[in-house]
Amino acid sequence: MKTAPRHLYIARHAQATPDESGLSETGRRQAALLGERLRSVRFDAIHHGPLPRAAETARLVADRLEHAVLPQVTAAAGDFVPYEPVREDFPEGIDADRYLNFVAQFPPEEREQGPELAARAIELLTGPADEPRRELVVTHNFLAAWFVREALQAPAWRWLGLNLANAALTVIRYEAGRPDTVLVLNDMAHLPPELREFDV
């Protein structure tokens, strides 16, 4: 049984260019400042999704760390729909059509493969560890929201409406015998006001 605490640092990628081929100038500044924020953290691993905006963010963050860690691509940290809700999921008073239509706009493969990838991300990156660990995952809004929803044991559809800012920091602690603890959520303290934005 794994009993050591794990701290998962979750960062949404920094702002991308319009064609999503990499980061914008604003995004590069955001990523650099996130790296400065995390400079003294001794990470055991840095994971990022396969898309360029996540990979570039992870590299810029890693370049600024005092304790060198090579970022590694992890498919389960990618951009996908972690759970496709059905109308019956939504409680009374919630505009179900709004969310159902939002999810329906994504390609079928993202919606079909998403739940399996989300389950893999939870298996790989969450829960207590064999020894104390600190890991950073640079990912996308949907998966970052899924991690938070999972930690709070909220209904599966509730990843919707959790909108995290570009290069914002969320930290979750996992420890045996205790509920998962969201220590930090959508923290933008390292970003000046002009770099704090929601690009959802």
N, C-alpha and C. Protein backbone atom coordinates (compact mmCIF):
# COMPACT_ATOMS: atom_id res chain seq x y z
N MET A 1 0.84 -1.21 0.00
CA MET A 1 0.00 0.00 0.00
C MET A 1 0.87 1.25 0.00
N LYS A 2 0.55 2.19 -0.86
CA LYS A 2 1.31 3.43 -0.95
C LYS A 2 0.84 4.40 0.13
N THR A 3 1.76 4.90 0.90
CA THR A 3 1.38 5.74 2.05
C THR A 3 2.05 7.10 2.06
N ALA A 4 3.04 7.33 1.21
CA ALA A 4 3.76 8.61 1.22
C ALA A 4 2.95 9.69 0.50
N PRO A 5 3.07 10.92 0.95
CA PRO A 5 2.30 12.00 0.31
C PRO A 5 2.83 12.34 -1.09
N ARG A 6 1.93 12.70 -1.94
CA ARG A 6 2.26 13.21 -3.28
C ARG A 6 1.65 14.60 -3.41
N HIS A 7 2.44 15.54 -3.87
CA HIS A 7 1.95 16.88 -4.21
C HIS A 7 1.97 17.00 -5.73
N LEU A 8 0.79 17.21 -6.30
CA LEU A 8 0.68 17.39 -7.74
C LEU A 8 0.46 18.87 -8.03
N TYR A 9 1.44 19.46 -8.70
CA TYR A 9 1.35 20.84 -9.14
C TYR A 9 0.78 20.81 -10.56
N ILE A 10 -0.31 21.50 -10.77
CA ILE A 10 -1.02 21.47 -12.04
C ILE A 10 -1.00 22.88 -12.63
N ALA A 11 -0.51 22.99 -13.84
CA ALA A 11 -0.50 24.29 -14.52
C ALA A 11 -1.17 24.14 -15.88
N ARG A 12 -2.11 25.00 -16.13
CA ARG A 12 -2.62 25.08 -17.50
C ARG A 12 -1.54 25.73 -18.36
N HIS A 13 -1.40 25.30 -19.60
CA HIS A 13 -0.41 25.88 -20.50
C HIS A 13 -0.60 27.39 -20.59
N ALA A 14 0.47 28.08 -20.94
CA ALA A 14 0.41 29.52 -21.14
C ALA A 14 -0.33 29.84 -22.45
N GLN A 15 -0.57 31.11 -22.66
CA GLN A 15 -1.36 31.54 -23.82
C GLN A 15 -0.72 31.08 -25.13
N ALA A 16 -1.53 30.50 -26.00
CA ALA A 16 -1.05 30.00 -27.28
C ALA A 16 -1.22 31.05 -28.37
N THR A 17 -0.53 30.84 -29.48
CA THR A 17 -0.75 31.65 -30.67
C THR A 17 -2.12 31.29 -31.25
N PRO A 18 -2.69 32.13 -32.11
CA PRO A 18 -4.00 31.82 -32.69
C PRO A 18 -4.07 30.47 -33.39
N ASP A 19 -2.97 30.04 -34.02
CA ASP A 19 -2.99 28.74 -34.71
C ASP A 19 -2.57 27.59 -33.79
N GLU A 20 -2.29 27.91 -32.53
CA GLU A 20 -1.95 26.91 -31.50
C GLU A 20 -0.68 26.13 -31.84
N SER A 21 0.21 26.73 -32.63
CA SER A 21 1.46 26.07 -32.99
C SER A 21 2.54 26.24 -31.92
N GLY A 22 2.25 27.03 -30.92
CA GLY A 22 3.21 27.31 -29.85
C GLY A 22 2.64 28.40 -28.98
N LEU A 23 3.51 29.05 -28.22
CA LEU A 23 3.07 30.11 -27.33
C LEU A 23 3.21 31.48 -27.98
N SER A 24 2.32 32.37 -27.62
CA SER A 24 2.43 33.77 -28.02
C SER A 24 3.51 34.43 -27.17
N GLU A 25 3.83 35.66 -27.51
CA GLU A 25 4.80 36.40 -26.68
C GLU A 25 4.28 36.53 -25.25
N THR A 26 3.00 36.81 -25.11
CA THR A 26 2.39 36.85 -23.77
C THR A 26 2.53 35.50 -23.09
N GLY A 27 2.29 34.43 -23.82
CA GLY A 27 2.40 33.10 -23.26
C GLY A 27 3.81 32.78 -22.78
N ARG A 28 4.81 33.20 -23.54
CA ARG A 28 6.19 32.96 -23.13
C ARG A 28 6.52 33.71 -21.84
N ARG A 29 6.00 34.93 -21.72
CA ARG A 29 6.20 35.67 -20.48
C ARG A 29 5.49 34.98 -19.31
N GLN A 30 4.27 34.52 -19.55
CA GLN A 30 3.54 33.80 -18.49
C GLN A 30 4.31 32.56 -18.03
N ALA A 31 4.80 31.78 -18.99
CA ALA A 31 5.50 30.55 -18.66
C ALA A 31 6.79 30.83 -17.88
N ALA A 32 7.51 31.87 -18.31
CA ALA A 32 8.75 32.23 -17.61
C ALA A 32 8.47 32.62 -16.16
N LEU A 33 7.41 33.38 -15.95
CA LEU A 33 7.06 33.80 -14.59
C LEU A 33 6.59 32.62 -13.75
N LEU A 34 5.89 31.68 -14.35
CA LEU A 34 5.52 30.48 -13.63
C LEU A 34 6.78 29.71 -13.22
N GLY A 35 7.75 29.63 -14.12
CA GLY A 35 9.01 28.99 -13.77
C GLY A 35 9.71 29.67 -12.62
N GLU A 36 9.69 31.00 -12.60
CA GLU A 36 10.29 31.73 -11.48
C GLU A 36 9.55 31.42 -10.18
N ARG A 37 8.24 31.33 -10.27
CA ARG A 37 7.43 31.00 -9.08
C ARG A 37 7.83 29.64 -8.51
N LEU A 38 8.11 28.70 -9.39
CA LEU A 38 8.41 27.32 -8.98
C LEU A 38 9.90 27.04 -8.87
N ARG A 39 10.73 28.06 -8.99
CA ARG A 39 12.18 27.90 -9.10
C ARG A 39 12.77 26.98 -8.04
N SER A 40 12.37 27.12 -6.80
CA SER A 40 13.01 26.38 -5.71
C SER A 40 12.36 25.03 -5.41
N VAL A 41 11.29 24.68 -6.12
CA VAL A 41 10.62 23.40 -5.87
C VAL A 41 11.46 22.27 -6.48
N ARG A 42 11.69 21.24 -5.69
CA ARG A 42 12.46 20.09 -6.18
C ARG A 42 11.47 19.05 -6.71
N PHE A 43 11.22 19.10 -8.01
CA PHE A 43 10.27 18.18 -8.62
C PHE A 43 10.91 16.83 -8.90
N ASP A 44 10.14 15.79 -8.69
CA ASP A 44 10.58 14.45 -9.07
C ASP A 44 10.30 14.16 -10.53
N ALA A 45 9.34 14.85 -11.10
CA ALA A 45 9.00 14.65 -12.51
C ALA A 45 8.21 15.86 -13.01
N ILE A 46 8.35 16.13 -14.30
CA ILE A 46 7.54 17.13 -14.98
C ILE A 46 6.89 16.45 -16.18
N HIS A 47 5.57 16.44 -16.20
CA HIS A 47 4.81 15.84 -17.29
C HIS A 47 4.14 16.95 -18.09
N HIS A 48 3.97 16.71 -19.38
CA HIS A 48 3.20 17.66 -20.18
C HIS A 48 2.48 16.91 -21.28
N GLY A 49 1.41 17.50 -21.75
CA GLY A 49 0.67 16.92 -22.86
C GLY A 49 1.46 17.03 -24.15
N PRO A 50 1.03 16.32 -25.19
CA PRO A 50 1.80 16.27 -26.44
C PRO A 50 1.68 17.51 -27.33
N LEU A 51 0.73 18.38 -27.09
CA LEU A 51 0.54 19.53 -27.98
C LEU A 51 1.61 20.60 -27.73
N PRO A 52 1.97 21.37 -28.78
CA PRO A 52 3.08 22.33 -28.66
C PRO A 52 2.92 23.33 -27.54
N ARG A 53 1.71 23.83 -27.30
CA ARG A 53 1.55 24.85 -26.28
C ARG A 53 1.85 24.32 -24.88
N ALA A 54 1.56 23.06 -24.63
CA ALA A 54 1.90 22.47 -23.33
C ALA A 54 3.39 22.14 -23.26
N ALA A 55 3.94 21.61 -24.34
CA ALA A 55 5.36 21.25 -24.35
C ALA A 55 6.24 22.48 -24.18
N GLU A 56 5.91 23.57 -24.85
CA GLU A 56 6.72 24.79 -24.74
C GLU A 56 6.60 25.40 -23.35
N THR A 57 5.42 25.38 -22.79
CA THR A 57 5.26 25.89 -21.43
C THR A 57 6.12 25.09 -20.46
N ALA A 58 6.08 23.77 -20.55
CA ALA A 58 6.86 22.92 -19.65
C ALA A 58 8.35 23.19 -19.81
N ARG A 59 8.81 23.36 -21.04
CA ARG A 59 10.23 23.61 -21.26
C ARG A 59 10.66 24.94 -20.64
N LEU A 60 9.86 25.98 -20.84
CA LEU A 60 10.21 27.29 -20.29
C LEU A 60 10.20 27.28 -18.76
N VAL A 61 9.28 26.54 -18.18
CA VAL A 61 9.26 26.41 -16.72
C VAL A 61 10.50 25.65 -16.25
N ALA A 62 10.78 24.53 -16.88
CA ALA A 62 11.92 23.70 -16.48
C ALA A 62 13.24 24.45 -16.59
N ASP A 63 13.35 25.33 -17.57
CA ASP A 63 14.59 26.09 -17.77
C ASP A 63 14.92 26.98 -16.58
N ARG A 64 13.92 27.29 -15.77
CA ARG A 64 14.13 28.23 -14.67
C ARG A 64 14.23 27.56 -13.30
N LEU A 65 14.15 26.27 -13.26
CA LEU A 65 14.20 25.57 -11.98
C LEU A 65 15.63 25.41 -11.49
N GLU A 66 15.81 25.53 -10.18
CA GLU A 66 17.13 25.33 -9.60
C GLU A 66 17.56 23.86 -9.67
N HIS A 67 16.60 22.96 -9.57
CA HIS A 67 16.88 21.53 -9.59
C HIS A 67 16.39 20.98 -10.94
N ALA A 68 17.31 20.68 -11.81
CA ALA A 68 16.98 20.33 -13.19
C ALA A 68 16.15 19.06 -13.28
N VAL A 69 15.08 19.13 -14.04
CA VAL A 69 14.24 17.97 -14.35
C VAL A 69 13.89 18.06 -15.84
N LEU A 70 14.03 16.96 -16.53
CA LEU A 70 13.72 16.93 -17.95
C LEU A 70 12.23 16.69 -18.14
N PRO A 71 11.50 17.62 -18.75
CA PRO A 71 10.07 17.39 -18.99
C PRO A 71 9.84 16.18 -19.88
N GLN A 72 8.79 15.45 -19.59
CA GLN A 72 8.47 14.27 -20.40
C GLN A 72 7.03 14.34 -20.90
N VAL A 73 6.86 13.98 -22.16
CA VAL A 73 5.52 14.00 -22.74
C VAL A 73 4.72 12.82 -22.21
N THR A 74 3.48 13.10 -21.83
CA THR A 74 2.59 12.09 -21.29
C THR A 74 1.25 12.25 -22.00
N ALA A 75 0.87 11.24 -22.78
CA ALA A 75 -0.35 11.34 -23.57
C ALA A 75 -1.57 11.62 -22.71
N ALA A 76 -1.58 11.05 -21.50
CA ALA A 76 -2.73 11.22 -20.62
C ALA A 76 -2.83 12.64 -20.06
N ALA A 77 -1.83 13.48 -20.31
CA ALA A 77 -1.89 14.88 -19.88
C ALA A 77 -2.30 15.79 -21.02
N GLY A 78 -2.90 15.21 -22.06
CA GLY A 78 -3.25 15.97 -23.24
C GLY A 78 -4.57 16.71 -23.16
N ASP A 79 -5.05 17.13 -24.31
CA ASP A 79 -6.25 17.95 -24.42
C ASP A 79 -7.39 17.07 -24.94
N PHE A 80 -8.36 16.79 -24.09
CA PHE A 80 -9.47 15.92 -24.45
C PHE A 80 -10.64 16.18 -23.51
N VAL A 81 -11.80 15.67 -23.89
CA VAL A 81 -13.00 15.77 -23.06
C VAL A 81 -12.97 14.60 -22.07
N PRO A 82 -12.81 14.85 -20.77
CA PRO A 82 -12.65 13.74 -19.83
C PRO A 82 -13.92 12.96 -19.55
N TYR A 83 -15.05 13.60 -19.75
CA TYR A 83 -16.34 12.95 -19.51
C TYR A 83 -17.39 13.70 -20.30
N GLU A 84 -18.18 12.96 -21.08
CA GLU A 84 -19.24 13.58 -21.85
C GLU A 84 -20.55 13.43 -21.09
N PRO A 85 -21.10 14.51 -20.61
CA PRO A 85 -22.31 14.41 -19.78
C PRO A 85 -23.55 14.09 -20.60
N VAL A 86 -24.56 13.62 -19.93
CA VAL A 86 -25.89 13.43 -20.51
C VAL A 86 -26.85 14.32 -19.74
N ARG A 87 -28.00 14.57 -20.32
CA ARG A 87 -28.95 15.52 -19.73
C ARG A 87 -29.30 15.17 -18.28
N GLU A 88 -29.39 13.88 -18.01
CA GLU A 88 -29.79 13.45 -16.66
C GLU A 88 -28.75 13.78 -15.60
N ASP A 89 -27.54 14.11 -16.01
CA ASP A 89 -26.49 14.44 -15.03
C ASP A 89 -26.76 15.75 -14.31
N PHE A 90 -27.45 16.66 -14.98
CA PHE A 90 -27.53 18.03 -14.49
C PHE A 90 -28.69 18.22 -13.50
N PRO A 91 -28.41 18.84 -12.38
CA PRO A 91 -29.48 19.11 -11.42
C PRO A 91 -30.43 20.19 -11.92
N GLU A 92 -31.57 20.25 -11.31
CA GLU A 92 -32.56 21.26 -11.68
C GLU A 92 -31.98 22.65 -11.49
N GLY A 93 -32.26 23.51 -12.44
CA GLY A 93 -31.77 24.88 -12.37
C GLY A 93 -30.52 25.14 -13.19
N ILE A 94 -29.86 24.06 -13.64
CA ILE A 94 -28.68 24.21 -14.49
C ILE A 94 -29.11 24.14 -15.95
N ASP A 95 -28.60 25.05 -16.77
CA ASP A 95 -28.92 25.07 -18.20
C ASP A 95 -28.16 23.93 -18.88
N ALA A 96 -28.74 22.75 -18.90
CA ALA A 96 -28.08 21.57 -19.46
C ALA A 96 -27.72 21.77 -20.93
N ASP A 97 -28.61 22.40 -21.71
CA ASP A 97 -28.35 22.58 -23.13
C ASP A 97 -27.06 23.36 -23.38
N ARG A 98 -26.81 24.32 -22.55
CA ARG A 98 -25.59 25.12 -22.71
C ARG A 98 -24.35 24.22 -22.66
N TYR A 99 -24.32 23.33 -21.67
CA TYR A 99 -23.14 22.48 -21.51
C TYR A 99 -23.12 21.34 -22.51
N LEU A 100 -24.26 20.77 -22.81
CA LEU A 100 -24.31 19.70 -23.79
C LEU A 100 -23.87 20.19 -25.16
N ASN A 101 -24.32 21.38 -25.54
CA ASN A 101 -23.92 21.95 -26.83
C ASN A 101 -22.44 22.30 -26.85
N PHE A 102 -21.94 22.77 -25.72
CA PHE A 102 -20.51 23.09 -25.62
C PHE A 102 -19.67 21.85 -25.87
N VAL A 103 -19.99 20.75 -25.22
CA VAL A 103 -19.21 19.52 -25.36
C VAL A 103 -19.36 18.93 -26.76
N ALA A 104 -20.55 19.05 -27.33
CA ALA A 104 -20.82 18.45 -28.64
C ALA A 104 -19.99 19.06 -29.76
N GLN A 105 -19.43 20.25 -29.55
CA GLN A 105 -18.65 20.90 -30.60
C GLN A 105 -17.27 20.27 -30.80
N PHE A 106 -16.84 19.44 -29.85
CA PHE A 106 -15.51 18.85 -29.95
C PHE A 106 -15.56 17.59 -30.81
N PRO A 107 -14.45 17.28 -31.49
CA PRO A 107 -14.44 16.12 -32.40
C PRO A 107 -14.81 14.83 -31.68
N PRO A 108 -15.49 13.92 -32.36
CA PRO A 108 -15.91 12.66 -31.74
C PRO A 108 -14.76 11.90 -31.09
N GLU A 109 -13.57 11.92 -31.71
CA GLU A 109 -12.46 11.16 -31.14
C GLU A 109 -12.03 11.72 -29.78
N GLU A 110 -12.11 13.04 -29.61
CA GLU A 110 -11.77 13.64 -28.32
C GLU A 110 -12.77 13.23 -27.25
N ARG A 111 -14.02 13.10 -27.64
CA ARG A 111 -15.06 12.72 -26.69
C ARG A 111 -15.05 11.22 -26.40
N GLU A 112 -14.67 10.43 -27.40
CA GLU A 112 -14.68 8.98 -27.22
C GLU A 112 -13.45 8.49 -26.46
N GLN A 113 -12.28 9.06 -26.78
CA GLN A 113 -11.04 8.62 -26.14
C GLN A 113 -10.80 9.30 -24.80
N GLY A 114 -11.47 10.42 -24.57
CA GLY A 114 -11.22 11.22 -23.39
C GLY A 114 -11.37 10.49 -22.06
N PRO A 115 -12.47 9.77 -21.84
CA PRO A 115 -12.63 9.11 -20.53
C PRO A 115 -11.51 8.12 -20.21
N GLU A 116 -11.04 7.38 -21.21
CA GLU A 116 -9.95 6.44 -20.97
C GLU A 116 -8.66 7.17 -20.62
N LEU A 117 -8.38 8.26 -21.34
CA LEU A 117 -7.19 9.05 -21.04
C LEU A 117 -7.29 9.71 -19.66
N ALA A 118 -8.48 10.18 -19.33
CA ALA A 118 -8.67 10.80 -18.01
C ALA A 118 -8.44 9.79 -16.89
N ALA A 119 -8.95 8.59 -17.07
CA ALA A 119 -8.73 7.53 -16.07
C ALA A 119 -7.25 7.21 -15.95
N ARG A 120 -6.56 7.20 -17.08
CA ARG A 120 -5.11 6.94 -17.06
C ARG A 120 -4.38 8.06 -16.34
N ALA A 121 -4.78 9.30 -16.55
CA ALA A 121 -4.15 10.43 -15.87
C ALA A 121 -4.32 10.32 -14.36
N ILE A 122 -5.51 9.94 -13.92
CA ILE A 122 -5.75 9.77 -12.48
C ILE A 122 -4.88 8.65 -11.94
N GLU A 123 -4.78 7.56 -12.68
CA GLU A 123 -3.97 6.42 -12.24
C GLU A 123 -2.49 6.78 -12.14
N LEU A 124 -1.98 7.50 -13.13
CA LEU A 124 -0.56 7.82 -13.20
C LEU A 124 -0.13 8.92 -12.25
N LEU A 125 -0.98 9.93 -12.08
CA LEU A 125 -0.52 11.19 -11.51
C LEU A 125 -1.12 11.54 -10.16
N THR A 126 -2.07 10.77 -9.67
CA THR A 126 -2.70 11.13 -8.41
C THR A 126 -2.57 10.00 -7.39
N GLY A 127 -2.97 10.31 -6.17
CA GLY A 127 -2.94 9.33 -5.10
C GLY A 127 -1.61 9.30 -4.37
N PRO A 128 -1.57 8.67 -3.19
CA PRO A 128 -0.31 8.55 -2.44
C PRO A 128 0.75 7.83 -3.26
N ALA A 129 2.00 7.97 -2.85
CA ALA A 129 3.13 7.40 -3.58
C ALA A 129 3.93 6.46 -2.68
N ASP A 130 4.91 5.79 -3.28
CA ASP A 130 5.78 4.91 -2.50
C ASP A 130 6.71 5.70 -1.59
N GLU A 131 7.07 6.89 -2.03
CA GLU A 131 7.89 7.81 -1.25
C GLU A 131 7.43 9.21 -1.58
N PRO A 132 7.71 10.19 -0.72
CA PRO A 132 7.21 11.54 -0.97
C PRO A 132 7.61 12.03 -2.36
N ARG A 133 6.63 12.62 -3.06
CA ARG A 133 6.87 13.08 -4.43
C ARG A 133 6.24 14.45 -4.66
N ARG A 134 6.90 15.20 -5.50
CA ARG A 134 6.36 16.45 -6.02
C ARG A 134 6.46 16.38 -7.54
N GLU A 135 5.33 16.49 -8.20
CA GLU A 135 5.30 16.38 -9.66
C GLU A 135 4.55 17.58 -10.23
N LEU A 136 5.01 18.00 -11.38
CA LEU A 136 4.34 19.08 -12.12
C LEU A 136 3.74 18.49 -13.37
N VAL A 137 2.49 18.83 -13.65
CA VAL A 137 1.88 18.45 -14.92
C VAL A 137 1.39 19.73 -15.60
N VAL A 138 1.89 19.95 -16.80
CA VAL A 138 1.47 21.08 -17.63
C VAL A 138 0.46 20.54 -18.63
N THR A 139 -0.76 20.98 -18.50
CA THR A 139 -1.84 20.36 -19.25
C THR A 139 -2.79 21.43 -19.78
N HIS A 140 -4.04 21.06 -19.95
CA HIS A 140 -5.05 21.92 -20.55
C HIS A 140 -6.20 22.09 -19.56
N ASN A 141 -7.06 23.04 -19.86
CA ASN A 141 -8.11 23.39 -18.91
C ASN A 141 -8.99 22.21 -18.52
N PHE A 142 -9.37 21.37 -19.49
CA PHE A 142 -10.30 20.29 -19.19
C PHE A 142 -9.71 19.30 -18.20
N LEU A 143 -8.47 18.89 -18.42
CA LEU A 143 -7.87 17.92 -17.50
C LEU A 143 -7.56 18.55 -16.16
N ALA A 144 -7.11 19.79 -16.15
CA ALA A 144 -6.87 20.47 -14.87
C ALA A 144 -8.17 20.51 -14.05
N ALA A 145 -9.28 20.83 -14.71
CA ALA A 145 -10.57 20.84 -14.03
C ALA A 145 -10.96 19.44 -13.56
N TRP A 146 -10.63 18.43 -14.36
CA TRP A 146 -10.94 17.05 -13.98
C TRP A 146 -10.19 16.63 -12.73
N PHE A 147 -8.92 17.03 -12.61
CA PHE A 147 -8.15 16.74 -11.39
C PHE A 147 -8.82 17.36 -10.17
N VAL A 148 -9.26 18.60 -10.30
CA VAL A 148 -9.91 19.28 -9.18
C VAL A 148 -11.23 18.59 -8.84
N ARG A 149 -12.04 18.30 -9.86
CA ARG A 149 -13.31 17.62 -9.64
C ARG A 149 -13.11 16.28 -8.94
N GLU A 150 -12.11 15.53 -9.38
CA GLU A 150 -11.81 14.23 -8.79
C GLU A 150 -11.40 14.38 -7.32
N ALA A 151 -10.54 15.36 -7.04
CA ALA A 151 -10.08 15.57 -5.67
C ALA A 151 -11.24 15.91 -4.73
N LEU A 152 -12.21 16.65 -5.23
CA LEU A 152 -13.35 17.06 -4.42
C LEU A 152 -14.50 16.04 -4.44
N GLN A 153 -14.32 14.97 -5.20
CA GLN A 153 -15.34 13.93 -5.34
C GLN A 153 -16.68 14.52 -5.80
N ALA A 154 -16.58 15.46 -6.72
CA ALA A 154 -17.77 16.10 -7.27
C ALA A 154 -18.34 15.20 -8.38
N PRO A 155 -19.60 15.41 -8.77
CA PRO A 155 -20.18 14.62 -9.87
C PRO A 155 -19.33 14.72 -11.13
N ALA A 156 -19.38 13.69 -11.95
CA ALA A 156 -18.51 13.61 -13.13
C ALA A 156 -18.68 14.80 -14.07
N TRP A 157 -19.89 15.34 -14.20
CA TRP A 157 -20.10 16.44 -15.14
C TRP A 157 -19.48 17.74 -14.66
N ARG A 158 -19.08 17.79 -13.38
CA ARG A 158 -18.72 19.06 -12.77
C ARG A 158 -17.35 19.59 -13.17
N TRP A 159 -16.63 18.87 -14.04
CA TRP A 159 -15.44 19.49 -14.62
C TRP A 159 -15.83 20.70 -15.46
N LEU A 160 -17.06 20.69 -15.96
CA LEU A 160 -17.56 21.84 -16.71
C LEU A 160 -17.77 23.02 -15.76
N GLY A 161 -17.38 24.17 -16.20
CA GLY A 161 -17.54 25.37 -15.38
C GLY A 161 -16.35 25.66 -14.49
N LEU A 162 -15.36 24.77 -14.46
CA LEU A 162 -14.11 25.04 -13.75
C LEU A 162 -13.11 25.57 -14.77
N ASN A 163 -12.98 26.87 -14.85
CA ASN A 163 -12.16 27.49 -15.88
C ASN A 163 -10.90 28.07 -15.26
N LEU A 164 -9.77 27.48 -15.58
CA LEU A 164 -8.49 27.88 -15.00
C LEU A 164 -7.72 28.74 -15.98
N ALA A 165 -7.01 29.72 -15.46
CA ALA A 165 -6.33 30.70 -16.30
C ALA A 165 -5.04 30.13 -16.89
N ASN A 166 -4.62 30.74 -17.99
CA ASN A 166 -3.34 30.36 -18.58
C ASN A 166 -2.20 30.58 -17.59
N ALA A 167 -1.36 29.55 -17.42
CA ALA A 167 -0.19 29.59 -16.54
C ALA A 167 -0.54 29.77 -15.07
N ALA A 168 -1.80 29.54 -14.71
CA ALA A 168 -2.19 29.57 -13.30
C ALA A 168 -1.77 28.26 -12.64
N LEU A 169 -1.63 28.30 -11.33
CA LEU A 169 -1.12 27.17 -10.57
C LEU A 169 -2.19 26.61 -9.64
N THR A 170 -2.34 25.29 -9.67
CA THR A 170 -3.20 24.56 -8.76
C THR A 170 -2.35 23.46 -8.12
N VAL A 171 -2.52 23.22 -6.83
CA VAL A 171 -1.74 22.19 -6.15
C VAL A 171 -2.69 21.31 -5.34
N ILE A 172 -2.56 20.00 -5.52
CA ILE A 172 -3.37 19.03 -4.79
C ILE A 172 -2.45 18.09 -4.03
N ARG A 173 -2.79 17.83 -2.76
CA ARG A 173 -2.01 16.91 -1.93
C ARG A 173 -2.79 15.61 -1.78
N TYR A 174 -2.10 14.50 -1.98
CA TYR A 174 -2.67 13.16 -1.82
C TYR A 174 -1.92 12.46 -0.70
N GLU A 175 -2.67 11.91 0.25
CA GLU A 175 -2.03 11.24 1.38
C GLU A 175 -2.96 10.14 1.87
N ALA A 176 -2.38 9.00 2.22
CA ALA A 176 -3.16 7.86 2.68
C ALA A 176 -3.95 8.23 3.93
N GLY A 177 -5.19 7.79 3.97
CA GLY A 177 -6.01 7.99 5.15
C GLY A 177 -6.64 9.36 5.28
N ARG A 178 -6.43 10.21 4.27
CA ARG A 178 -7.01 11.56 4.30
C ARG A 178 -7.65 11.86 2.97
N PRO A 179 -8.66 12.71 2.95
CA PRO A 179 -9.21 13.11 1.65
C PRO A 179 -8.19 13.93 0.87
N ASP A 180 -8.28 13.86 -0.44
CA ASP A 180 -7.42 14.70 -1.28
C ASP A 180 -7.66 16.16 -0.91
N THR A 181 -6.58 16.93 -0.87
CA THR A 181 -6.67 18.31 -0.40
C THR A 181 -6.24 19.27 -1.50
N VAL A 182 -7.13 20.14 -1.92
CA VAL A 182 -6.79 21.20 -2.87
C VAL A 182 -6.14 22.34 -2.07
N LEU A 183 -4.82 22.45 -2.18
CA LEU A 183 -4.08 23.45 -1.41
C LEU A 183 -4.08 24.81 -2.08
N VAL A 184 -4.02 24.81 -3.39
CA VAL A 184 -3.95 26.04 -4.18
C VAL A 184 -4.84 25.84 -5.40
N LEU A 185 -5.62 26.85 -5.76
CA LEU A 185 -6.51 26.72 -6.91
C LEU A 185 -6.44 27.97 -7.78
N ASN A 186 -6.04 27.78 -9.03
CA ASN A 186 -6.06 28.86 -10.03
C ASN A 186 -5.30 30.09 -9.54
N ASP A 187 -4.15 29.87 -8.93
CA ASP A 187 -3.36 30.95 -8.35
C ASP A 187 -2.55 31.66 -9.44
N MET A 188 -2.75 32.97 -9.55
CA MET A 188 -2.04 33.77 -10.54
C MET A 188 -1.15 34.82 -9.89
N ALA A 189 -0.76 34.60 -8.64
CA ALA A 189 0.02 35.60 -7.92
C ALA A 189 1.34 35.92 -8.61
N HIS A 190 1.88 35.00 -9.38
CA HIS A 190 3.15 35.21 -10.08
C HIS A 190 3.00 36.03 -11.35
N LEU A 191 1.76 36.28 -11.76
CA LEU A 191 1.51 37.02 -13.00
C LEU A 191 1.06 38.44 -12.70
N PRO A 192 1.61 39.44 -13.37
CA PRO A 192 1.10 40.80 -13.21
C PRO A 192 -0.30 40.88 -13.80
N PRO A 193 -1.08 41.88 -13.40
CA PRO A 193 -2.49 41.96 -13.85
C PRO A 193 -2.68 41.85 -15.36
N GLU A 194 -1.78 42.42 -16.13
CA GLU A 194 -1.96 42.39 -17.57
C GLU A 194 -1.74 41.02 -18.19
N LEU A 195 -1.19 40.08 -17.42
CA LEU A 195 -0.97 38.73 -17.92
C LEU A 195 -1.96 37.72 -17.35
N ARG A 196 -2.89 38.21 -16.56
CA ARG A 196 -3.88 37.32 -15.97
C ARG A 196 -5.12 37.31 -16.87
N GLU A 197 -5.33 36.17 -17.53
CA GLU A 197 -6.47 36.11 -18.44
C GLU A 197 -7.00 34.68 -18.51
N PHE A 198 -8.25 34.59 -18.90
CA PHE A 198 -8.90 33.31 -19.10
C PHE A 198 -9.12 33.14 -20.59
N ASP A 199 -8.51 32.12 -21.15
CA ASP A 199 -8.59 31.87 -22.60
C ASP A 199 -9.28 30.52 -22.80
N VAL A 200 -10.58 30.45 -22.46
CA VAL A 200 -11.32 29.18 -22.50
C VAL A 200 -12.22 29.15 -23.71
